[in-house]
Amino acid sequence: MHSLLPDYLSEVLDACGRDAGGDLALALATLDGAVYGVGDDRSRFTIQSISKPFAYALAIDRHGLDAVLERVGVEPSGDASNELSLEAGTARPLNPMINAGALTVHALLDDETVRQGFSAFAGRDLEFDESVLASELVTADRDRAMAFMLRSHRIVGRDVMQVVEG
């Protein structure tokens, strides 16, 4: 039986991607393991902020939900990703999907756990792009400041520079 999903995904990509540049793709994985992709779905790309829910899942898997919740909340913030939104009284970030929360989550993980976990999520070994890291670190002053602030509140216990680079 022919699935209608690829046709539907193509329609969505056409409707949403008209004015965008670069490689456009859309992919969907079903619960039974079928994967559908359209457009430039074989193009490699950096995941950057897309990594936040995956890192959060790894932290929960490694430390348990209660231990992660001691460090970062789950309240929707509505704030910009680079806002320092801390809970009054605990100084923990309000949400793991904003940078302060993501830095806190990453401080709970070591680089090898992240590499192996993200590769497992992707179903293949992922590569590390040194040029993207260098580019991101040039403009990471606010993230460094957030990480130092989190360390001053004892939310982050690791070396700040390692956390930001991670």
N, C-alpha and C. Protein backbone atom coordinates (compact mmCIF):
# COMPACT_ATOMS: atom_id res chain seq x y z
N MET A 1 0.84 -1.18 0.00
CA MET A 1 0.00 0.00 0.00
C MET A 1 0.89 1.25 0.00
N HIS A 2 0.59 2.17 -0.83
CA HIS A 2 1.35 3.42 -0.97
C HIS A 2 0.95 4.38 0.15
N SER A 3 1.95 4.88 0.87
CA SER A 3 1.69 5.85 1.93
C SER A 3 1.50 7.23 1.32
N LEU A 4 0.57 7.96 1.87
CA LEU A 4 0.33 9.34 1.45
C LEU A 4 1.25 10.33 2.17
N LEU A 5 1.99 9.86 3.18
CA LEU A 5 2.83 10.76 3.95
C LEU A 5 3.88 11.50 3.13
N PRO A 6 4.61 10.84 2.21
CA PRO A 6 5.59 11.61 1.42
C PRO A 6 4.94 12.74 0.60
N ASP A 7 3.78 12.46 0.04
CA ASP A 7 3.08 13.50 -0.73
C ASP A 7 2.66 14.66 0.18
N TYR A 8 2.15 14.33 1.35
CA TYR A 8 1.75 15.36 2.30
C TYR A 8 2.96 16.18 2.75
N LEU A 9 4.06 15.51 3.08
CA LEU A 9 5.27 16.22 3.50
C LEU A 9 5.78 17.14 2.39
N SER A 10 5.69 16.69 1.15
CA SER A 10 6.11 17.53 0.02
C SER A 10 5.24 18.78 -0.07
N GLU A 11 3.95 18.62 0.13
CA GLU A 11 3.04 19.77 0.10
C GLU A 11 3.38 20.77 1.21
N VAL A 12 3.64 20.26 2.41
CA VAL A 12 3.99 21.12 3.54
C VAL A 12 5.29 21.85 3.25
N LEU A 13 6.30 21.13 2.75
CA LEU A 13 7.59 21.74 2.44
C LEU A 13 7.43 22.82 1.39
N ASP A 14 6.65 22.55 0.36
CA ASP A 14 6.42 23.54 -0.68
C ASP A 14 5.73 24.79 -0.12
N ALA A 15 4.75 24.58 0.74
CA ALA A 15 3.99 25.70 1.29
C ALA A 15 4.82 26.54 2.27
N CYS A 16 5.68 25.90 3.02
CA CYS A 16 6.42 26.61 4.08
C CYS A 16 7.80 27.07 3.64
N GLY A 17 8.34 26.51 2.61
CA GLY A 17 9.71 26.79 2.27
C GLY A 17 9.94 27.68 1.08
N ARG A 18 8.93 28.35 0.62
CA ARG A 18 9.05 29.15 -0.61
C ARG A 18 10.10 30.24 -0.52
N ASP A 19 10.15 30.97 0.60
CA ASP A 19 11.02 32.14 0.70
C ASP A 19 12.32 31.89 1.45
N ALA A 20 12.60 30.64 1.78
CA ALA A 20 13.80 30.34 2.56
C ALA A 20 14.94 29.93 1.64
N GLY A 21 16.14 30.23 2.05
CA GLY A 21 17.31 29.81 1.29
C GLY A 21 17.92 28.57 1.92
N GLY A 22 18.91 28.04 1.28
CA GLY A 22 19.61 26.88 1.82
C GLY A 22 18.92 25.59 1.47
N ASP A 23 19.39 24.52 2.11
CA ASP A 23 18.82 23.20 1.89
C ASP A 23 17.55 23.07 2.72
N LEU A 24 16.46 22.74 2.06
CA LEU A 24 15.19 22.58 2.76
C LEU A 24 14.82 21.11 2.82
N ALA A 25 14.36 20.67 3.97
CA ALA A 25 13.98 19.28 4.14
C ALA A 25 12.91 19.18 5.20
N LEU A 26 12.21 18.09 5.16
CA LEU A 26 11.21 17.78 6.17
C LEU A 26 11.22 16.26 6.32
N ALA A 27 11.24 15.81 7.56
CA ALA A 27 11.27 14.37 7.81
C ALA A 27 10.30 14.04 8.94
N LEU A 28 9.82 12.82 8.90
CA LEU A 28 8.88 12.35 9.92
C LEU A 28 9.20 10.89 10.20
N ALA A 29 9.27 10.54 11.47
CA ALA A 29 9.45 9.14 11.86
C ALA A 29 8.20 8.72 12.62
N THR A 30 7.63 7.60 12.25
CA THR A 30 6.42 7.11 12.91
C THR A 30 6.81 6.22 14.08
N LEU A 31 5.86 5.95 14.95
CA LEU A 31 6.13 5.13 16.12
C LEU A 31 6.56 3.71 15.75
N ASP A 32 6.16 3.23 14.58
CA ASP A 32 6.56 1.88 14.17
C ASP A 32 7.92 1.84 13.49
N GLY A 33 8.61 3.00 13.43
CA GLY A 33 9.97 3.04 12.90
C GLY A 33 10.10 3.43 11.44
N ALA A 34 8.99 3.66 10.76
CA ALA A 34 9.07 4.11 9.37
C ALA A 34 9.54 5.56 9.33
N VAL A 35 10.43 5.87 8.40
CA VAL A 35 10.95 7.22 8.27
C VAL A 35 10.64 7.73 6.87
N TYR A 36 10.09 8.93 6.81
CA TYR A 36 9.75 9.57 5.54
C TYR A 36 10.48 10.89 5.47
N GLY A 37 11.07 11.18 4.34
CA GLY A 37 11.77 12.44 4.17
C GLY A 37 11.57 13.00 2.78
N VAL A 38 11.53 14.31 2.69
CA VAL A 38 11.39 14.99 1.40
C VAL A 38 12.36 16.17 1.36
N GLY A 39 12.62 16.64 0.18
CA GLY A 39 13.55 17.76 0.01
C GLY A 39 14.97 17.27 0.13
N ASP A 40 15.82 18.12 0.68
CA ASP A 40 17.24 17.79 0.85
C ASP A 40 17.46 17.06 2.17
N ASP A 41 16.70 16.00 2.40
CA ASP A 41 16.72 15.33 3.69
C ASP A 41 17.98 14.52 3.94
N ARG A 42 18.87 14.46 3.01
CA ARG A 42 20.15 13.78 3.22
C ARG A 42 21.28 14.78 3.50
N SER A 43 20.97 16.08 3.47
CA SER A 43 21.98 17.09 3.75
C SER A 43 22.29 17.10 5.24
N ARG A 44 23.55 17.18 5.57
CA ARG A 44 23.95 17.26 6.98
C ARG A 44 23.85 18.70 7.45
N PHE A 45 23.52 18.87 8.72
CA PHE A 45 23.36 20.21 9.27
C PHE A 45 23.74 20.18 10.74
N THR A 46 24.06 21.32 11.29
CA THR A 46 24.37 21.41 12.71
C THR A 46 23.07 21.52 13.50
N ILE A 47 23.05 20.88 14.67
CA ILE A 47 21.79 20.85 15.41
C ILE A 47 21.67 21.99 16.41
N GLN A 48 22.75 22.54 16.91
CA GLN A 48 22.77 23.69 17.81
C GLN A 48 21.62 23.66 18.82
N SER A 49 20.70 24.59 18.79
CA SER A 49 19.63 24.64 19.80
C SER A 49 18.64 23.48 19.71
N ILE A 50 18.61 22.81 18.57
CA ILE A 50 17.75 21.63 18.47
C ILE A 50 18.21 20.56 19.46
N SER A 51 19.45 20.67 19.92
CA SER A 51 20.00 19.66 20.83
C SER A 51 19.39 19.71 22.23
N LYS A 52 18.76 20.81 22.59
CA LYS A 52 18.31 21.00 23.98
C LYS A 52 17.38 19.89 24.49
N PRO A 53 16.34 19.49 23.77
CA PRO A 53 15.51 18.41 24.32
C PRO A 53 16.24 17.07 24.41
N PHE A 54 17.19 16.84 23.51
CA PHE A 54 17.94 15.59 23.54
C PHE A 54 18.89 15.56 24.74
N ALA A 55 19.54 16.69 25.02
CA ALA A 55 20.41 16.76 26.20
C ALA A 55 19.58 16.60 27.47
N TYR A 56 18.41 17.20 27.50
CA TYR A 56 17.52 17.08 28.66
C TYR A 56 17.14 15.61 28.88
N ALA A 57 16.81 14.91 27.81
CA ALA A 57 16.47 13.48 27.91
C ALA A 57 17.66 12.68 28.44
N LEU A 58 18.86 12.98 27.96
CA LEU A 58 20.05 12.27 28.44
C LEU A 58 20.29 12.54 29.92
N ALA A 59 20.11 13.78 30.34
CA ALA A 59 20.32 14.12 31.76
C ALA A 59 19.31 13.37 32.64
N ILE A 60 18.07 13.31 32.22
CA ILE A 60 17.06 12.58 32.98
C ILE A 60 17.40 11.10 33.02
N ASP A 61 17.82 10.55 31.88
CA ASP A 61 18.18 9.13 31.83
C ASP A 61 19.36 8.83 32.75
N ARG A 62 20.32 9.73 32.78
CA ARG A 62 21.54 9.51 33.56
C ARG A 62 21.34 9.77 35.06
N HIS A 63 20.58 10.80 35.42
CA HIS A 63 20.48 11.22 36.82
C HIS A 63 19.10 11.03 37.44
N GLY A 64 18.08 10.82 36.62
CA GLY A 64 16.72 10.72 37.12
C GLY A 64 16.04 12.09 37.10
N LEU A 65 14.72 12.06 36.94
CA LEU A 65 13.96 13.30 36.81
C LEU A 65 14.09 14.19 38.04
N ASP A 66 14.00 13.62 39.24
CA ASP A 66 14.06 14.45 40.45
C ASP A 66 15.38 15.20 40.56
N ALA A 67 16.49 14.54 40.25
CA ALA A 67 17.80 15.19 40.35
C ALA A 67 17.92 16.31 39.33
N VAL A 68 17.38 16.11 38.13
CA VAL A 68 17.44 17.16 37.11
C VAL A 68 16.54 18.33 37.51
N LEU A 69 15.37 18.03 38.05
CA LEU A 69 14.46 19.09 38.47
C LEU A 69 15.02 19.93 39.63
N GLU A 70 15.95 19.38 40.39
CA GLU A 70 16.60 20.17 41.44
C GLU A 70 17.43 21.30 40.83
N ARG A 71 17.89 21.12 39.59
CA ARG A 71 18.78 22.08 38.93
C ARG A 71 18.07 22.99 37.94
N VAL A 72 17.03 22.48 37.28
CA VAL A 72 16.34 23.26 36.25
C VAL A 72 14.85 22.92 36.26
N GLY A 73 14.02 23.95 36.19
CA GLY A 73 12.57 23.76 36.21
C GLY A 73 12.02 23.41 34.83
N VAL A 74 10.72 23.35 34.75
CA VAL A 74 10.04 23.02 33.49
C VAL A 74 8.92 24.00 33.17
N GLU A 75 9.01 25.18 33.75
CA GLU A 75 7.98 26.19 33.51
C GLU A 75 8.17 26.82 32.14
N PRO A 76 7.08 26.98 31.40
CA PRO A 76 7.21 27.71 30.13
C PRO A 76 7.60 29.15 30.43
N SER A 77 8.53 29.67 29.68
CA SER A 77 9.01 31.00 30.02
C SER A 77 8.51 32.07 29.07
N GLY A 78 8.45 31.79 27.80
CA GLY A 78 8.12 32.83 26.84
C GLY A 78 9.25 33.81 26.64
N ASP A 79 10.36 33.61 27.36
CA ASP A 79 11.51 34.50 27.25
C ASP A 79 12.34 34.15 26.03
N ALA A 80 13.15 35.09 25.61
CA ALA A 80 14.10 34.83 24.54
C ALA A 80 15.08 33.76 25.02
N SER A 81 15.65 33.02 24.09
CA SER A 81 16.53 31.92 24.46
C SER A 81 17.75 32.36 25.23
N ASN A 82 18.15 33.62 25.10
CA ASN A 82 19.35 34.07 25.80
C ASN A 82 19.05 34.87 27.07
N GLU A 83 17.81 34.80 27.56
CA GLU A 83 17.45 35.48 28.81
C GLU A 83 17.91 34.65 30.00
N LEU A 84 18.30 35.32 31.07
CA LEU A 84 18.66 34.65 32.30
C LEU A 84 17.43 34.65 33.20
N SER A 85 16.60 33.63 33.05
CA SER A 85 15.36 33.52 33.82
C SER A 85 15.59 32.52 34.94
N LEU A 86 15.68 33.02 36.16
CA LEU A 86 15.94 32.17 37.31
C LEU A 86 14.77 32.22 38.27
N GLU A 87 14.48 31.08 38.86
CA GLU A 87 13.39 30.96 39.82
C GLU A 87 13.77 31.66 41.12
N ALA A 88 12.88 32.47 41.63
CA ALA A 88 13.13 33.16 42.90
C ALA A 88 13.27 32.13 44.02
N GLY A 89 14.27 32.32 44.85
CA GLY A 89 14.48 31.42 45.98
C GLY A 89 15.45 30.29 45.71
N THR A 90 15.40 29.70 44.51
CA THR A 90 16.30 28.58 44.20
C THR A 90 17.40 28.97 43.22
N ALA A 91 17.17 30.01 42.43
CA ALA A 91 18.09 30.48 41.39
C ALA A 91 18.29 29.46 40.29
N ARG A 92 17.42 28.46 40.21
CA ARG A 92 17.55 27.51 39.11
C ARG A 92 16.87 28.09 37.87
N PRO A 93 17.38 27.78 36.68
CA PRO A 93 16.72 28.24 35.46
C PRO A 93 15.30 27.69 35.39
N LEU A 94 14.41 28.46 34.81
CA LEU A 94 13.01 28.06 34.76
C LEU A 94 12.72 26.98 33.73
N ASN A 95 13.57 26.86 32.71
CA ASN A 95 13.22 26.00 31.59
C ASN A 95 14.48 25.47 30.92
N PRO A 96 14.55 24.16 30.61
CA PRO A 96 15.74 23.59 29.98
C PRO A 96 15.87 23.95 28.50
N MET A 97 14.89 24.61 27.93
CA MET A 97 14.94 24.93 26.50
C MET A 97 15.43 26.35 26.23
N ILE A 98 15.74 27.10 27.29
CA ILE A 98 16.41 28.38 27.11
C ILE A 98 17.88 28.18 27.50
N ASN A 99 18.74 29.08 27.09
CA ASN A 99 20.18 28.85 27.23
C ASN A 99 20.63 28.59 28.67
N ALA A 100 20.11 29.33 29.63
CA ALA A 100 20.52 29.10 31.02
C ALA A 100 20.16 27.68 31.45
N GLY A 101 19.00 27.22 31.08
CA GLY A 101 18.60 25.85 31.39
C GLY A 101 19.42 24.83 30.64
N ALA A 102 19.72 25.10 29.38
CA ALA A 102 20.52 24.18 28.58
C ALA A 102 21.94 24.08 29.13
N LEU A 103 22.50 25.21 29.57
CA LEU A 103 23.83 25.18 30.18
C LEU A 103 23.81 24.34 31.45
N THR A 104 22.77 24.49 32.24
CA THR A 104 22.62 23.72 33.47
C THR A 104 22.52 22.24 33.17
N VAL A 105 21.71 21.89 32.18
CA VAL A 105 21.56 20.49 31.79
C VAL A 105 22.89 19.93 31.31
N HIS A 106 23.57 20.69 30.46
CA HIS A 106 24.85 20.19 29.95
C HIS A 106 25.88 19.99 31.05
N ALA A 107 25.82 20.81 32.08
CA ALA A 107 26.75 20.65 33.20
C ALA A 107 26.54 19.32 33.92
N LEU A 108 25.38 18.70 33.74
CA LEU A 108 25.10 17.39 34.33
C LEU A 108 25.64 16.23 33.49
N LEU A 109 26.14 16.54 32.30
CA LEU A 109 26.58 15.51 31.36
C LEU A 109 28.05 15.69 31.01
N ASP A 110 28.71 14.60 30.69
CA ASP A 110 30.07 14.70 30.17
C ASP A 110 29.99 14.63 28.65
N ASP A 111 31.04 15.09 28.01
CA ASP A 111 31.03 15.19 26.54
C ASP A 111 30.84 13.84 25.87
N GLU A 112 31.39 12.78 26.43
CA GLU A 112 31.25 11.45 25.81
C GLU A 112 29.81 10.96 25.89
N THR A 113 29.13 11.22 27.00
CA THR A 113 27.72 10.85 27.12
C THR A 113 26.90 11.59 26.07
N VAL A 114 27.20 12.87 25.88
CA VAL A 114 26.49 13.66 24.87
C VAL A 114 26.75 13.09 23.48
N ARG A 115 28.01 12.84 23.15
CA ARG A 115 28.36 12.33 21.82
C ARG A 115 27.68 10.99 21.55
N GLN A 116 27.78 10.07 22.50
CA GLN A 116 27.17 8.75 22.32
C GLN A 116 25.65 8.84 22.29
N GLY A 117 25.08 9.64 23.18
CA GLY A 117 23.63 9.76 23.24
C GLY A 117 23.05 10.39 21.99
N PHE A 118 23.64 11.49 21.54
CA PHE A 118 23.13 12.15 20.33
C PHE A 118 23.29 11.24 19.12
N SER A 119 24.40 10.52 19.05
CA SER A 119 24.60 9.58 17.94
C SER A 119 23.55 8.48 17.97
N ALA A 120 23.23 8.00 19.17
CA ALA A 120 22.18 6.98 19.29
C ALA A 120 20.83 7.52 18.84
N PHE A 121 20.51 8.75 19.23
CA PHE A 121 19.26 9.36 18.79
C PHE A 121 19.21 9.48 17.27
N ALA A 122 20.34 9.81 16.67
CA ALA A 122 20.40 10.02 15.21
C ALA A 122 20.47 8.70 14.45
N GLY A 123 20.84 7.64 15.13
CA GLY A 123 20.96 6.35 14.45
C GLY A 123 22.26 6.22 13.66
N ARG A 124 23.22 7.08 13.93
CA ARG A 124 24.53 7.02 13.27
C ARG A 124 25.51 7.84 14.10
N ASP A 125 26.80 7.62 13.84
CA ASP A 125 27.81 8.43 14.52
C ASP A 125 27.74 9.86 13.99
N LEU A 126 27.63 10.80 14.90
CA LEU A 126 27.60 12.20 14.51
C LEU A 126 29.01 12.77 14.50
N GLU A 127 29.18 13.78 13.69
CA GLU A 127 30.48 14.45 13.57
C GLU A 127 30.44 15.76 14.33
N PHE A 128 31.61 16.23 14.69
CA PHE A 128 31.75 17.48 15.41
C PHE A 128 32.32 18.51 14.45
N ASP A 129 31.72 19.67 14.37
CA ASP A 129 32.16 20.70 13.45
C ASP A 129 32.93 21.78 14.21
N GLU A 130 34.25 21.72 14.12
CA GLU A 130 35.11 22.67 14.83
C GLU A 130 34.88 24.12 14.39
N SER A 131 34.59 24.32 13.10
CA SER A 131 34.39 25.70 12.62
C SER A 131 33.12 26.31 13.19
N VAL A 132 32.09 25.51 13.36
CA VAL A 132 30.85 26.02 13.97
C VAL A 132 31.11 26.35 15.44
N LEU A 133 31.83 25.49 16.15
CA LEU A 133 32.17 25.78 17.55
C LEU A 133 32.92 27.09 17.65
N ALA A 134 33.94 27.26 16.82
CA ALA A 134 34.73 28.49 16.87
C ALA A 134 33.86 29.71 16.62
N SER A 135 32.97 29.60 15.65
CA SER A 135 32.07 30.71 15.32
C SER A 135 31.13 31.03 16.49
N GLU A 136 30.58 30.00 17.11
CA GLU A 136 29.67 30.20 18.23
C GLU A 136 30.38 30.82 19.44
N LEU A 137 31.61 30.39 19.68
CA LEU A 137 32.34 30.89 20.86
C LEU A 137 32.72 32.35 20.73
N VAL A 138 32.85 32.85 19.50
CA VAL A 138 33.17 34.26 19.29
C VAL A 138 32.08 35.15 19.88
N THR A 139 30.83 34.69 19.82
CA THR A 139 29.70 35.50 20.27
C THR A 139 29.04 34.92 21.54
N ALA A 140 29.78 34.15 22.33
CA ALA A 140 29.18 33.44 23.47
C ALA A 140 29.37 34.17 24.81
N ASP A 141 29.65 35.46 24.78
CA ASP A 141 29.87 36.18 26.03
C ASP A 141 28.67 36.08 26.97
N ARG A 142 27.48 36.22 26.44
CA ARG A 142 26.29 36.15 27.29
C ARG A 142 26.14 34.76 27.90
N ASP A 143 26.41 33.71 27.12
CA ASP A 143 26.34 32.35 27.66
C ASP A 143 27.39 32.14 28.74
N ARG A 144 28.58 32.66 28.53
CA ARG A 144 29.62 32.56 29.56
C ARG A 144 29.16 33.28 30.83
N ALA A 145 28.60 34.46 30.67
CA ALA A 145 28.12 35.22 31.82
C ALA A 145 27.03 34.45 32.56
N MET A 146 26.11 33.85 31.80
CA MET A 146 25.05 33.05 32.44
C MET A 146 25.65 31.88 33.20
N ALA A 147 26.60 31.20 32.60
CA ALA A 147 27.22 30.04 33.25
C ALA A 147 27.94 30.45 34.53
N PHE A 148 28.63 31.59 34.51
CA PHE A 148 29.28 32.08 35.73
C PHE A 148 28.23 32.43 36.79
N MET A 149 27.13 33.05 36.38
CA MET A 149 26.06 33.37 37.32
C MET A 149 25.48 32.09 37.92
N LEU A 150 25.25 31.08 37.09
CA LEU A 150 24.73 29.81 37.58
C LEU A 150 25.70 29.14 38.54
N ARG A 151 26.98 29.26 38.25
CA ARG A 151 27.98 28.69 39.16
C ARG A 151 27.99 29.45 40.49
N SER A 152 27.81 30.77 40.44
CA SER A 152 27.79 31.55 41.68
C SER A 152 26.62 31.16 42.57
N HIS A 153 25.55 30.64 41.98
CA HIS A 153 24.37 30.17 42.73
C HIS A 153 24.45 28.68 43.04
N ARG A 154 25.58 28.06 42.69
CA ARG A 154 25.81 26.62 42.91
C ARG A 154 24.83 25.74 42.13
N ILE A 155 24.34 26.24 41.02
CA ILE A 155 23.50 25.45 40.12
C ILE A 155 24.40 24.65 39.19
N VAL A 156 25.47 25.27 38.72
CA VAL A 156 26.47 24.63 37.88
C VAL A 156 27.72 24.45 38.73
N GLY A 157 28.22 23.22 38.79
CA GLY A 157 29.41 22.95 39.58
C GLY A 157 30.66 22.69 38.77
N ARG A 158 30.51 22.53 37.47
CA ARG A 158 31.64 22.23 36.59
C ARG A 158 32.33 23.50 36.13
N ASP A 159 33.48 23.33 35.47
CA ASP A 159 34.20 24.43 34.87
C ASP A 159 33.31 25.14 33.85
N VAL A 160 33.14 26.41 34.02
CA VAL A 160 32.23 27.19 33.18
C VAL A 160 32.60 27.14 31.70
N MET A 161 33.86 27.27 31.40
CA MET A 161 34.28 27.28 30.00
C MET A 161 34.00 25.93 29.33
N GLN A 162 34.18 24.83 30.05
CA GLN A 162 33.87 23.52 29.49
C GLN A 162 32.38 23.37 29.25
N VAL A 163 31.58 23.91 30.16
CA VAL A 163 30.13 23.83 30.00
C VAL A 163 29.69 24.61 28.77
N VAL A 164 30.20 25.82 28.60
CA VAL A 164 29.82 26.64 27.44
C VAL A 164 30.29 25.99 26.15
N GLU A 165 31.52 25.52 26.12
CA GLU A 165 32.02 24.86 24.92
C GLU A 165 31.21 23.60 24.60
N GLY A 166 30.76 22.90 25.61
CA GLY A 166 29.95 21.71 25.39
C GLY A 166 28.62 22.01 24.76
